[in-house]
PDB file of N, CA and C in Angstrom:
ATOM      1  N   MET A   1       2.442  -7.114 -29.308  1.00  0.00           N
ATOM      2  CA  MET A   1       1.470  -8.069 -28.744  1.00  0.00           C
ATOM      3  C   MET A   1       0.298  -8.446 -30.127  1.00  0.00           C
ATOM      4  N   ALA A   2       0.183  -7.646 -30.706  1.00  0.00           N
ATOM      5  CA  ALA A   2      -0.872  -7.734 -31.772  1.00  0.00           C
ATOM      6  C   ALA A   2      -0.348  -9.012 -32.655  1.00  0.00           C
ATOM      7  N   PHE A   3       1.063  -8.663 -33.088  1.00  0.00           N
ATOM      8  CA  PHE A   3       1.830  -9.654 -33.799  1.00  0.00           C
ATOM      9  C   PHE A   3       1.641 -11.219 -33.204  1.00  0.00           C
ATOM     10  N   LEU A   4       1.837 -11.223 -31.986  1.00  0.00           N
ATOM     11  CA  LEU A   4       1.719 -12.302 -31.272  1.00  0.00           C
ATOM     12  C   LEU A   4       0.157 -13.082 -31.395  1.00  0.00           C
ATOM     13  N   LEU A   5      -0.698 -12.345 -31.128  1.00  0.00           N
ATOM     14  CA  LEU A   5      -2.251 -12.622 -31.387  1.00  0.00           C
ATOM     15  C   LEU A   5      -2.512 -12.972 -32.686  1.00  0.00           C
ATOM     16  N   SER A   6      -2.048 -12.471 -33.556  1.00  0.00           N
ATOM     17  CA  SER A   6      -2.282 -12.777 -35.100  1.00  0.00           C
ATOM     18  C   SER A   6      -1.638 -14.082 -35.379  1.00  0.00           C
ATOM     19  N   PHE A   7      -0.316 -14.340 -34.736  1.00  0.00           N
ATOM     20  CA  PHE A   7       0.200 -15.499 -35.125  1.00  0.00           C
ATOM     21  C   PHE A   7      -0.431 -16.651 -34.512  1.00  0.00           C
ATOM     22  N   LEU A   8      -0.922 -16.541 -33.416  1.00  0.00           N
ATOM     23  CA  LEU A   8      -1.843 -17.662 -32.758  1.00  0.00           C
ATOM     24  C   LEU A   8      -3.192 -17.817 -33.263  1.00  0.00           C
ATOM     25  N   GLY A   9      -3.538 -16.903 -34.243  1.00  0.00           N
ATOM     26  CA  GLY A   9      -4.765 -16.983 -35.227  1.00  0.00           C
ATOM     27  C   GLY A   9      -5.946 -16.373 -34.491  1.00  0.00           C
ATOM     28  N   LEU A  10      -5.477 -15.356 -33.754  1.00  0.00           N
ATOM     29  CA  LEU A  10      -6.547 -14.611 -32.864  1.00  0.00           C
ATOM     30  C   LEU A  10      -6.588 -12.994 -33.548  1.00  0.00           C
ATOM     31  N   ASP A  11      -7.733 -12.583 -33.459  1.00  0.00           N
ATOM     32  CA  ASP A  11      -8.055 -11.050 -33.939  1.00  0.00           C
ATOM     33  C   ASP A  11      -7.429 -10.194 -32.934  1.00  0.00           C
ATOM     34  N   PRO A  12      -6.516  -9.500 -32.972  1.00  0.00           N
ATOM     35  CA  PRO A  12      -5.949  -8.447 -32.171  1.00  0.00           C
ATOM     36  C   PRO A  12      -7.074  -7.313 -31.713  1.00  0.00           C
ATOM     37  N   GLY A  13      -7.836  -7.168 -32.622  1.00  0.00           N
ATOM     38  CA  GLY A  13      -9.043  -6.203 -32.593  1.00  0.00           C
ATOM     39  C   GLY A  13     -10.020  -6.447 -31.422  1.00  0.00           C
ATOM     40  N   ARG A  14      -9.985  -7.793 -30.981  1.00  0.00           N
ATOM     41  CA  ARG A  14     -10.904  -8.383 -30.075  1.00  0.00           C
ATOM     42  C   ARG A  14     -10.265  -7.856 -28.676  1.00  0.00           C
ATOM     43  N   PHE A  15      -9.110  -7.634 -28.582  1.00  0.00           N
ATOM     44  CA  PHE A  15      -8.432  -7.427 -27.362  1.00  0.00           C
ATOM     45  C   PHE A  15      -8.378  -6.054 -26.898  1.00  0.00           C
ATOM     46  N   SER A  16      -8.169  -5.700 -25.591  1.00  0.00           N
ATOM     47  CA  SER A  16      -7.733  -4.361 -25.194  1.00  0.00           C
ATOM     48  C   SER A  16      -6.383  -4.467 -24.567  1.00  0.00           C
ATOM     49  N   ILE A  17      -5.405  -4.106 -25.132  1.00  0.00           N
ATOM     50  CA  ILE A  17      -4.287  -4.387 -24.653  1.00  0.00           C
ATOM     51  C   ILE A  17      -3.789  -3.208 -23.695  1.00  0.00           C
ATOM     52  N   VAL A  18      -3.427  -3.286 -22.573  1.00  0.00           N
ATOM     53  CA  VAL A  18      -3.068  -2.564 -21.469  1.00  0.00           C
ATOM     54  C   VAL A  18      -1.752  -2.663 -20.822  1.00  0.00           C
ATOM     55  N   ARG A  19      -1.155  -1.868 -20.301  1.00  0.00           N
ATOM     56  CA  ARG A  19       0.166  -2.186 -19.763  1.00  0.00           C
ATOM     57  C   ARG A  19      -0.154  -2.894 -18.030  1.00  0.00           C
ATOM     58  N   ALA A  20       0.515  -3.631 -17.995  1.00  0.00           N
ATOM     59  CA  ALA A  20       0.341  -4.714 -16.737  1.00  0.00           C
ATOM     60  C   ALA A  20       1.734  -4.790 -16.126  1.00  0.00           C
ATOM     61  N   ASN A  21       1.799  -5.235 -14.756  1.00  0.00           N
ATOM     62  CA  ASN A  21       2.941  -5.444 -14.252  1.00  0.00           C
ATOM     63  C   ASN A  21       3.895  -4.348 -14.111  1.00  0.00           C
ATOM     64  N   ASP A  22       3.592  -2.970 -14.027  1.00  0.00           N
ATOM     65  CA  ASP A  22       4.202  -2.011 -13.686  1.00  0.00           C
ATOM     66  C   ASP A  22       4.368  -1.687 -12.270  1.00  0.00           C
ATOM     67  N   GLY A  23       5.349  -1.632 -11.709  1.00  0.00           N
ATOM     68  CA  GLY A  23       5.594  -1.274 -10.181  1.00  0.00           C
ATOM     69  C   GLY A  23       5.438   0.026 -10.149  1.00  0.00           C
ATOM     70  N   PRO A  24       5.405   0.523  -8.769  1.00  0.00           N
ATOM     71  CA  PRO A  24       5.567   1.888  -8.456  1.00  0.00           C
ATOM     72  C   PRO A  24       6.841   2.361  -8.568  1.00  0.00           C
ATOM     73  N   SER A  25       6.843   3.816  -8.747  1.00  0.00           N
ATOM     74  CA  SER A  25       8.210   4.419  -8.926  1.00  0.00           C
ATOM     75  C   SER A  25       8.849   4.251  -7.759  1.00  0.00           C
ATOM     76  N   ASN A  26      10.053   4.510  -8.016  1.00  0.00           N
ATOM     77  CA  ASN A  26      11.228   4.663  -6.641  1.00  0.00           C
ATOM     78  C   ASN A  26      10.727   5.558  -5.685  1.00  0.00           C
ATOM     79  N   ASP A  27      10.566   6.916  -6.234  1.00  0.00           N
ATOM     80  CA  ASP A  27      10.089   7.944  -5.399  1.00  0.00           C
ATOM     81  C   ASP A  27       8.937   7.584  -4.633  1.00  0.00           C
ATOM     82  N   TRP A  28       7.916   6.996  -5.215  1.00  0.00           N
ATOM     83  CA  TRP A  28       6.604   6.896  -4.543  1.00  0.00           C
ATOM     84  C   TRP A  28       6.807   5.976  -3.547  1.00  0.00           C
ATOM     85  N   VAL A  29       7.692   4.872  -3.895  1.00  0.00           N
ATOM     86  CA  VAL A  29       7.912   3.670  -2.632  1.00  0.00           C
ATOM     87  C   VAL A  29       8.529   4.328  -1.575  1.00  0.00           C
ATOM     88  N   ARG A  30       9.562   5.283  -1.803  1.00  0.00           N
ATOM     89  CA  ARG A  30      10.250   5.828  -0.623  1.00  0.00           C
ATOM     90  C   ARG A  30       9.425   6.983   0.057  1.00  0.00           C
ATOM     91  N   ALA A  31       8.618   7.729  -0.674  1.00  0.00           N
ATOM     92  CA  ALA A  31       7.685   8.467   0.045  1.00  0.00           C
ATOM     93  C   ALA A  31       6.731   7.747   1.037  1.00  0.00           C
ATOM     94  N   GLN A  32       6.057   6.604   0.432  1.00  0.00           N
ATOM     95  CA  GLN A  32       5.163   5.892   1.307  1.00  0.00           C
ATOM     96  C   GLN A  32       5.948   5.200   2.304  1.00  0.00           C
ATOM     97  N   MET A  33       7.031   4.775   2.285  1.00  0.00           N
ATOM     98  CA  MET A  33       7.582   4.160   3.413  1.00  0.00           C
ATOM     99  C   MET A  33       7.873   5.396   4.598  1.00  0.00           C
ATOM    100  N   LEU A  34       8.318   6.509   4.040  1.00  0.00           N
ATOM    101  CA  LEU A  34       8.565   7.590   5.196  1.00  0.00           C
ATOM    102  C   LEU A  34       7.130   7.928   5.760  1.00  0.00           C
ATOM    103  N   VAL A  35       5.993   7.936   5.076  1.00  0.00           N
ATOM    104  CA  VAL A  35       4.842   7.944   5.738  1.00  0.00           C
ATOM    105  C   VAL A  35       4.447   6.765   6.640  1.00  0.00           C
ATOM    106  N   ASN A  36       4.784   5.633   6.234  1.00  0.00           N
ATOM    107  CA  ASN A  36       4.541   4.427   7.050  1.00  0.00           C
ATOM    108  C   ASN A  36       5.197   4.523   8.480  1.00  0.00           C
ATOM    109  N   ALA A  37       6.397   5.100   8.248  1.00  0.00           N
ATOM    110  CA  ALA A  37       7.468   5.093   9.613  1.00  0.00           C
ATOM    111  C   ALA A  37       6.938   6.241  10.215  1.00  0.00           C
ATOM    112  N   MET A  38       6.228   7.375   9.857  1.00  0.00           N
ATOM    113  CA  MET A  38       5.685   8.300  10.838  1.00  0.00           C
ATOM    114  C   MET A  38       4.277   8.033  11.250  1.00  0.00           C
ATOM    115  N   GLU A  39       3.515   7.481  10.390  1.00  0.00           N
ATOM    116  CA  GLU A  39       2.156   7.003  10.694  1.00  0.00           C
ATOM    117  C   GLU A  39       1.787   5.510  10.229  1.00  0.00           C
ATOM    118  N   PRO A  40       2.200   4.549  11.307  1.00  0.00           N
ATOM    119  CA  PRO A  40       1.953   3.202  10.908  1.00  0.00           C
ATOM    120  C   PRO A  40       0.399   3.157  10.295  1.00  0.00           C
ATOM    121  N   ARG A  41       0.076   2.146   9.448  1.00  0.00           N
ATOM    122  CA  ARG A  41      -1.228   1.892   9.113  1.00  0.00           C
ATOM    123  C   ARG A  41      -1.900   1.194  10.258  1.00  0.00           C
ATOM    124  N   ILE A  42      -1.474   0.478  11.016  1.00  0.00           N
ATOM    125  CA  ILE A  42      -1.980  -0.242  12.186  1.00  0.00           C
ATOM    126  C   ILE A  42      -1.506   0.212  13.616  1.00  0.00           C
ATOM    127  N   VAL A  43      -2.229   0.765  14.466  1.00  0.00           N
ATOM    128  CA  VAL A  43      -1.741   1.078  15.650  1.00  0.00           C
ATOM    129  C   VAL A  43      -2.591   0.618  16.726  1.00  0.00           C
ATOM    130  N   ASP A  44      -1.986  -0.205  17.822  1.00  0.00           N
ATOM    131  CA  ASP A  44      -2.726  -0.512  18.839  1.00  0.00           C
ATOM    132  C   ASP A  44      -3.862  -1.360  18.295  1.00  0.00           C
ATOM    133  N   GLU A  45      -3.568  -2.486  17.040  1.00  0.00           N
ATOM    134  CA  GLU A  45      -4.462  -3.307  16.759  1.00  0.00           C
ATOM    135  C   GLU A  45      -5.737  -2.629  15.986  1.00  0.00           C
ATOM    136  N   ALA A  46      -5.678  -1.497  15.580  1.00  0.00           N
ATOM    137  CA  ALA A  46      -6.653  -0.835  15.066  1.00  0.00           C
ATOM    138  C   ALA A  46      -6.131   0.108  13.764  1.00  0.00           C
ATOM    139  N   ILE A  47      -6.863   0.396  12.921  1.00  0.00           N
ATOM    140  CA  ILE A  47      -6.641   1.503  11.707  1.00  0.00           C
ATOM    141  C   ILE A  47      -6.228   2.532  12.239  1.00  0.00           C
ATOM    142  N   ASN A  48      -5.218   3.242  11.855  1.00  0.00           N
ATOM    143  CA  ASN A  48      -4.596   4.449  12.173  1.00  0.00           C
ATOM    144  C   ASN A  48      -5.196   5.416  11.552  1.00  0.00           C
ATOM    145  N   PRO A  49      -6.151   6.502  12.099  1.00  0.00           N
ATOM    146  CA  PRO A  49      -6.845   7.448  11.264  1.00  0.00           C
ATOM    147  C   PRO A  49      -5.897   8.619  10.617  1.00  0.00           C
ATOM    148  N   ALA A  50      -4.738   8.607  11.186  1.00  0.00           N
ATOM    149  CA  ALA A  50      -3.717   9.560  10.573  1.00  0.00           C
ATOM    150  C   ALA A  50      -3.015   9.195   9.344  1.00  0.00           C
ATOM    151  N   TRP A  51      -2.774   7.794   9.140  1.00  0.00           N
ATOM    152  CA  TRP A  51      -2.133   7.129   8.008  1.00  0.00           C
ATOM    153  C   TRP A  51      -2.772   7.548   6.732  1.00  0.00           C
ATOM    154  N   TYR A  52      -2.040   7.765   5.844  1.00  0.00           N
ATOM    155  CA  TYR A  52      -2.518   8.334   4.414  1.00  0.00           C
ATOM    156  C   TYR A  52      -1.780   7.815   3.202  1.00  0.00           C
ATOM    157  N   GLN A  53      -2.216   7.445   2.121  1.00  0.00           N
ATOM    158  CA  GLN A  53      -1.474   7.205   1.036  1.00  0.00           C
ATOM    159  C   GLN A  53      -0.940   8.153   0.231  1.00  0.00           C
ATOM    160  N   VAL A  54       0.176   8.163   0.013  1.00  0.00           N
ATOM    161  CA  VAL A  54       0.885   9.073  -0.957  1.00  0.00           C
ATOM    162  C   VAL A  54       0.345   8.898  -2.553  1.00  0.00           C
ATOM    163  N   PRO A  55       0.045  10.102  -2.925  1.00  0.00           N
ATOM    164  CA  PRO A  55      -0.448  10.311  -4.322  1.00  0.00           C
ATOM    165  C   PRO A  55       0.596   9.479  -5.175  1.00  0.00           C
ATOM    166  N   PRO A  56      -0.094   8.733  -6.270  1.00  0.00           N
ATOM    167  CA  PRO A  56       1.032   8.306  -7.091  1.00  0.00           C
ATOM    168  C   PRO A  56       1.732   9.116  -7.777  1.00  0.00           C
ATOM    169  N   ARG A  57       3.235   9.043  -8.270  1.00  0.00           N
ATOM    170  CA  ARG A  57       3.936   9.782  -8.859  1.00  0.00           C
ATOM    171  C   ARG A  57       4.690   8.875  -9.748  1.00  0.00           C
ATOM    172  N   ALA A  58       5.022   9.516 -11.117  1.00  0.00           N
ATOM    173  CA  ALA A  58       5.848   8.835 -12.140  1.00  0.00           C
ATOM    174  C   ALA A  58       7.239   8.902 -11.684  1.00  0.00           C
ATOM    175  N   GLY A  59       7.870   8.018 -12.341  1.00  0.00           N
ATOM    176  CA  GLY A  59       9.507   8.182 -12.073  1.00  0.00           C
ATOM    177  C   GLY A  59       9.955   6.719 -12.411  1.00  0.00           C
ATOM    178  N   ALA A  60      11.192   6.708 -12.293  1.00  0.00           N
ATOM    179  CA  ALA A  60      11.939   5.183 -12.587  1.00  0.00           C
ATOM    180  C   ALA A  60      11.476   4.268 -11.548  1.00  0.00           C
ATOM    181  N   ARG A  61      11.613   3.143 -11.995  1.00  0.00           N
ATOM    182  CA  ARG A  61      11.275   1.757 -11.037  1.00  0.00           C
ATOM    183  C   ARG A  61      11.993   1.673  -9.655  1.00  0.00           C
ATOM    184  N   PHE A  62      11.313   1.184  -8.775  1.00  0.00           N
ATOM    185  CA  PHE A  62      11.951   0.946  -7.662  1.00  0.00           C
ATOM    186  C   PHE A  62      13.303   0.291  -7.603  1.00  0.00           C
ATOM    187  N   LEU A  63      14.175   0.688  -6.903  1.00  0.00           N
ATOM    188  CA  LEU A  63      15.427  -0.062  -6.892  1.00  0.00           C
ATOM    189  C   LEU A  63      16.057   0.184  -5.340  1.00  0.00           C
ATOM    190  N   LEU A  64      16.774  -0.862  -4.993  1.00  0.00           N
ATOM    191  CA  LEU A  64      17.505  -0.345  -3.771  1.00  0.00           C
ATOM    192  C   LEU A  64      18.707   0.462  -3.750  1.00  0.00           C
ATOM    193  N   THR A  65      18.887   1.334  -2.756  1.00  0.00           N
ATOM    194  CA  THR A  65      20.293   2.104  -2.806  1.00  0.00           C
ATOM    195  C   THR A  65      21.474   0.998  -2.557  1.00  0.00           C
ATOM    196  N   ALA A  66      22.471   1.490  -3.050  1.00  0.00           N
ATOM    197  CA  ALA A  66      23.953   0.907  -2.686  1.00  0.00           C
ATOM    198  C   ALA A  66      23.887   0.283  -1.351  1.00  0.00           C
ATOM    199  N   ALA A  67      23.646   0.946  -0.369  1.00  0.00           N
ATOM    200  CA  ALA A  67      23.696   0.716   1.278  1.00  0.00           C
ATOM    201  C   ALA A  67      22.643  -0.378   1.419  1.00  0.00           C
ATOM    202  N   GLU A  68      21.488  -0.268   0.901  1.00  0.00           N
ATOM    203  CA  GLU A  68      20.520  -1.312   1.028  1.00  0.00           C
ATOM    204  C   GLU A  68      21.042  -2.746   0.327  1.00  0.00           C
ATOM    205  N   LEU A  69      21.398  -2.633  -0.650  1.00  0.00           N
ATOM    206  CA  LEU A  69      21.823  -3.621  -1.475  1.00  0.00           C
ATOM    207  C   LEU A  69      23.106  -4.473  -0.630  1.00  0.00           C
ATOM    208  N   ASP A  70      23.996  -3.612  -0.182  1.00  0.00           N
ATOM    209  CA  ASP A  70      24.999  -4.341   0.536  1.00  0.00           C
ATOM    210  C   ASP A  70      24.644  -5.305   1.509  1.00  0.00           C
ATOM    211  N   GLY A  71      23.498  -5.127   2.387  1.00  0.00           N
ATOM    212  CA  GLY A  71      23.169  -5.775   3.365  1.00  0.00           C
ATOM    213  C   GLY A  71      22.411  -7.297   2.671  1.00  0.00           C
ATOM    214  N   LEU A  72      22.199  -7.296   1.488  1.00  0.00           N
ATOM    215  CA  LEU A  72      21.538  -8.387   0.816  1.00  0.00           C
ATOM    216  C   LEU A  72      22.475  -9.103   0.009  1.00  0.00           C
ATOM    217  N   ARG A  73      23.518  -8.547  -0.371  1.00  0.00           N
ATOM    218  CA  ARG A  73      24.424  -9.126  -1.531  1.00  0.00           C
ATOM    219  C   ARG A  73      24.976 -10.565  -1.267  1.00  0.00           C
ATOM    220  N   GLY A  74      25.045 -11.115  -0.045  1.00  0.00           N
ATOM    221  CA  GLY A  74      25.794 -12.318   0.427  1.00  0.00           C
ATOM    222  C   GLY A  74      24.472 -13.168  -0.077  1.00  0.00           C
ATOM    223  N   GLN A  75      23.181 -13.079   0.313  1.00  0.00           N
ATOM    224  CA  GLN A  75      22.081 -13.809  -0.076  1.00  0.00           C
ATOM    225  C   GLN A  75      21.971 -13.806  -1.508  1.00  0.00           C
ATOM    226  N   LEU A  76      21.975 -12.636  -2.275  1.00  0.00           N
ATOM    227  CA  LEU A  76      21.894 -12.795  -3.696  1.00  0.00           C
ATOM    228  C   LEU A  76      23.013 -13.573  -4.447  1.00  0.00           C
ATOM    229  N   GLU A  77      24.302 -13.593  -3.932  1.00  0.00           N
ATOM    230  CA  GLU A  77      25.335 -14.460  -4.510  1.00  0.00           C
ATOM    231  C   GLU A  77      24.911 -15.870  -4.293  1.00  0.00           C
ATOM    232  N   VAL A  78      24.522 -16.231  -3.106  1.00  0.00           N
ATOM    233  CA  VAL A  78      24.233 -17.664  -2.909  1.00  0.00           C
ATOM    234  C   VAL A  78      23.063 -18.059  -4.010  1.00  0.00           C
ATOM    235  N   GLU A  79      21.985 -17.285  -4.157  1.00  0.00           N
ATOM    236  CA  GLU A  79      20.868 -17.535  -5.182  1.00  0.00           C
ATOM    237  C   GLU A  79      21.467 -17.560  -6.392  1.00  0.00           C
ATOM    238  N   ASN A  80      22.186 -16.602  -6.971  1.00  0.00           N
ATOM    239  CA  ASN A  80      22.967 -16.484  -8.264  1.00  0.00           C
ATOM    240  C   ASN A  80      23.924 -17.856  -8.549  1.00  0.00           C
ATOM    241  N   ASN A  81      24.522 -18.288  -7.569  1.00  0.00           N
ATOM    242  CA  ASN A  81      25.280 -19.458  -7.608  1.00  0.00           C
ATOM    243  C   ASN A  81      24.785 -20.694  -7.929  1.00  0.00           C
ATOM    244  N   TYR A  82      23.293 -20.809  -7.191  1.00  0.00           N
ATOM    245  CA  TYR A  82      22.442 -21.841  -7.350  1.00  0.00           C
ATOM    246  C   TYR A  82      21.882 -21.880  -8.725  1.00  0.00           C
ATOM    247  N   LEU A  83      21.466 -20.810  -9.215  1.00  0.00           N
ATOM    248  CA  LEU A  83      21.052 -20.568 -10.665  1.00  0.00           C
ATOM    249  C   LEU A  83      22.105 -21.031 -11.763  1.00  0.00           C
ATOM    250  N   ARG A  84      23.196 -20.263 -11.416  1.00  0.00           N
ATOM    251  CA  ARG A  84      24.419 -20.457 -12.320  1.00  0.00           C
ATOM    252  C   ARG A  84      24.458 -22.017 -12.688  1.00  0.00           C
ATOM    253  N   GLN A  85      24.783 -22.659 -11.325  1.00  0.00           N
ATOM    254  CA  GLN A  85      25.097 -24.340 -11.296  1.00  0.00           C
ATOM    255  C   GLN A  85      23.972 -25.225 -12.154  1.00  0.00           C
ATOM    256  N   ARG A  86      22.685 -24.572 -11.923  1.00  0.00           N
ATOM    257  CA  ARG A  86      21.546 -25.293 -12.591  1.00  0.00           C
ATOM    258  C   ARG A  86      21.347 -25.002 -13.792  1.00  0.00           C
ATOM    259  N   PHE A  87      21.266 -23.770 -14.354  1.00  0.00           N
ATOM    260  CA  PHE A  87      20.918 -23.126 -15.817  1.00  0.00           C
ATOM    261  C   PHE A  87      21.768 -22.314 -16.510  1.00  0.00           C
ATOM    262  N   GLY A  88      23.083 -22.219 -16.062  1.00  0.00           N
ATOM    263  CA  GLY A  88      24.017 -21.327 -16.607  1.00  0.00           C
ATOM    264  C   GLY A  88      23.903 -20.064 -16.268  1.00  0.00           C
ATOM    265  N   GLN A  89      25.016 -19.341 -16.751  1.00  0.00           N
ATOM    266  CA  GLN A  89      25.255 -17.711 -16.508  1.00  0.00           C
ATOM    267  C   GLN A  89      24.109 -16.936 -17.082  1.00  0.00           C
ATOM    268  N   THR A  90      23.391 -17.303 -18.038  1.00  0.00           N
ATOM    269  CA  THR A  90      22.268 -16.272 -18.667  1.00  0.00           C
ATOM    270  C   THR A  90      21.176 -16.095 -17.580  1.00  0.00           C
ATOM    271  N   PHE A  91      21.123 -17.156 -16.613  1.00  0.00           N
ATOM    272  CA  PHE A  91      19.958 -16.960 -15.638  1.00  0.00           C
ATOM    273  C   PHE A  91      20.293 -16.304 -14.352  1.00  0.00           C
ATOM    274  N   CYS A  92      21.413 -15.578 -14.352  1.00  0.00           N
ATOM    275  CA  CYS A  92      21.822 -15.074 -13.205  1.00  0.00           C
ATOM    276  C   CYS A  92      22.080 -13.408 -13.355  1.00  0.00           C
ATOM    277  N   ASP A  93      22.065 -12.751 -12.303  1.00  0.00           N
ATOM    278  CA  ASP A  93      22.248 -11.319 -12.395  1.00  0.00           C
ATOM    279  C   ASP A  93      23.611 -11.069 -12.686  1.00  0.00           C
ATOM    280  N   ARG A  94      23.945 -10.280 -13.762  1.00  0.00           N
ATOM    281  CA  ARG A  94      25.209  -9.955 -14.003  1.00  0.00           C
ATOM    282  C   ARG A  94      25.533  -8.736 -13.364  1.00  0.00           C
ATOM    283  N   MET A  95      24.762  -7.780 -13.131  1.00  0.00           N
ATOM    284  CA  MET A  95      24.948  -6.491 -12.274  1.00  0.00           C
ATOM    285  C   MET A  95      23.634  -6.127 -11.568  1.00  0.00           C
ATOM    286  N   LEU A  96      23.621  -5.430 -10.414  1.00  0.00           N
ATOM    287  CA  LEU A  96      22.436  -5.292  -9.877  1.00  0.00           C
ATOM    288  C   LEU A  96      22.316  -3.651  -9.673  1.00  0.00           C
ATOM    289  N   PRO A  97      21.614  -3.049 -10.656  1.00  0.00           N
ATOM    290  CA  PRO A  97      21.427  -1.636 -10.513  1.00  0.00           C
ATOM    291  C   PRO A  97      20.701  -1.199  -9.170  1.00  0.00           C
ATOM    292  N   VAL A  98      21.219  -0.059  -8.871  1.00  0.00           N
ATOM    293  CA  VAL A  98      20.787   0.588  -7.634  1.00  0.00           C
ATOM    294  C   VAL A  98      20.385   2.103  -7.907  1.00  0.00           C
ATOM    295  N   SER A  99      19.679   2.562  -6.783  1.00  0.00           N
ATOM    296  CA  SER A  99      19.142   3.895  -7.386  1.00  0.00           C
ATOM    297  C   SER A  99      20.073   5.119  -6.400  1.00  0.00           C
ATOM    298  N   ASP A 100      19.931   6.095  -6.703  1.00  0.00           N
ATOM    299  CA  ASP A 100      20.911   7.054  -6.081  1.00  0.00           C
ATOM    300  C   ASP A 100      20.312   7.192  -4.571  1.00  0.00           C
ATOM    301  N   GLU A 101      21.196   7.620  -3.661  1.00  0.00           N
ATOM    302  CA  GLU A 101      20.901   8.016  -2.479  1.00  0.00           C
ATOM    303  C   GLU A 101      19.861   8.973  -2.377  1.00  0.00           C
ATOM    304  N   LEU A 102      18.816   9.285  -1.397  1.00  0.00           N
ATOM    305  CA  LEU A 102      18.041  10.206  -1.468  1.00  0.00           C
ATOM    306  C   LEU A 102      18.472  11.353  -0.589  1.00  0.00           C
ATOM    307  N   PRO A 103      18.124  12.523  -1.184  1.00  0.00           N
ATOM    308  CA  PRO A 103      18.661  13.792  -0.460  1.00  0.00           C
ATOM    309  C   PRO A 103      17.797  13.914   0.838  1.00  0.00           C
ATOM    310  N   HIS A 104      18.137  14.646   1.726  1.00  0.00           N
ATOM    311  CA  HIS A 104      17.552  14.771   3.065  1.00  0.00           C
ATOM    312  C   HIS A 104      16.056  15.470   2.916  1.00  0.00           C
ATOM    313  N   ARG A 105      16.125  16.442   1.781  1.00  0.00           N
ATOM    314  CA  ARG A 105      15.009  17.249   1.807  1.00  0.00           C
ATOM    315  C   ARG A 105      13.734  16.317   1.122  1.00  0.00           C
ATOM    316  N   PHE A 106      13.874  15.082   0.739  1.00  0.00           N
ATOM    317  CA  PHE A 106      13.054  14.149   0.122  1.00  0.00           C
ATOM    318  C   PHE A 106      11.941  14.020   1.209  1.00  0.00           C
ATOM    319  N   LEU A 107      12.073  13.985   2.293  1.00  0.00           N
ATOM    320  CA  LEU A 107      10.955  13.731   3.443  1.00  0.00           C
ATOM    321  C   LEU A 107      10.039  14.894   3.216  1.00  0.00           C
ATOM    322  N   GLU A 108      10.319  15.927   3.284  1.00  0.00           N
ATOM    323  CA  GLU A 108       9.531  17.219   3.254  1.00  0.00           C
ATOM    324  C   GLU A 108       8.837  17.227   1.822  1.00  0.00           C
ATOM    325  N   GLU A 109       9.659  17.188   0.853  1.00  0.00           N
ATOM    326  CA  GLU A 109       9.123  17.240  -0.544  1.00  0.00           C
ATOM    327  C   GLU A 109       8.004  16.194  -0.862  1.00  0.00           C
ATOM    328  N   SER A 110       8.021  14.833  -0.297  1.00  0.00           N
ATOM    329  CA  SER A 110       7.374  13.764  -0.462  1.00  0.00           C
ATOM    330  C   SER A 110       6.026  13.609   0.311  1.00  0.00           C
ATOM    331  N   THR A 111       6.232  14.297   1.510  1.00  0.00           N
ATOM    332  CA  THR A 111       5.067  14.193   2.477  1.00  0.00           C
ATOM    333  C   THR A 111       4.544  15.379   2.833  1.00  0.00           C
ATOM    334  N   GLY A 112       5.148  16.503   2.866  1.00  0.00           N
ATOM    335  CA  GLY A 112       4.711  17.721   3.154  1.00  0.00           C
ATOM    336  C   GLY A 112       4.976  17.863   4.751  1.00  0.00           C
ATOM    337  N   ARG A 113       5.841  17.102   5.220  1.00  0.00           N
ATOM    338  CA  ARG A 113       6.191  16.968   6.460  1.00  0.00           C
ATOM    339  C   ARG A 113       7.712  17.196   6.661  1.00  0.00           C
ATOM    340  N   THR A 114       8.120  17.764   7.916  1.00  0.00           N
ATOM    341  CA  THR A 114       9.521  17.804   7.972  1.00  0.00           C
ATOM    342  C   THR A 114       9.972  16.815   9.137  1.00  0.00           C
ATOM    343  N   GLY A 115      11.205  16.466   9.165  1.00  0.00           N
ATOM    344  CA  GLY A 115      11.747  15.607  10.070  1.00  0.00           C
ATOM    345  C   GLY A 115      11.266  15.512  11.557  1.00  0.00           C
ATOM    346  N   ALA A 116      11.020  16.969  11.883  1.00  0.00           N
ATOM    347  CA  ALA A 116      10.773  17.217  13.382  1.00  0.00           C
ATOM    348  C   ALA A 116       9.364  16.720  13.628  1.00  0.00           C
ATOM    349  N   GLU A 117       8.504  16.680  12.478  1.00  0.00           N
ATOM    350  CA  GLU A 117       7.155  16.332  12.685  1.00  0.00           C
ATOM    351  C   GLU A 117       7.196  14.688  12.717  1.00  0.00           C
ATOM    352  N   ALA A 118       8.086  14.008  12.524  1.00  0.00           N
ATOM    353  CA  ALA A 118       8.067  12.420  12.450  1.00  0.00           C
ATOM    354  C   ALA A 118       8.102  11.880  13.579  1.00  0.00           C
TER     355      ALA A 118
END
């Protein structure tokens, strides 16, 4: 980033460079989705006092599982074909990475609750 700023004739020392556009981790998204399923944020048109936000956790970026991706594959192919026809192969997804399936113990480890409490 400093090189780019210098190239543009700007003093990099005048800027505070921070990481941005970092999405939440796969584990965090999955854990929050489980909480949301057990305790929706809105209940009967009011804020649910039992809802809570899962503390942030580091990890790999969010990805769909293979099973989740399978439900979207047809739509993604349509979009890729559109992009390929207009802009060439370099604007298309060559592969779609997926996350591992989650172990059953993930619910308890992520939220401190068991499936029986859900």
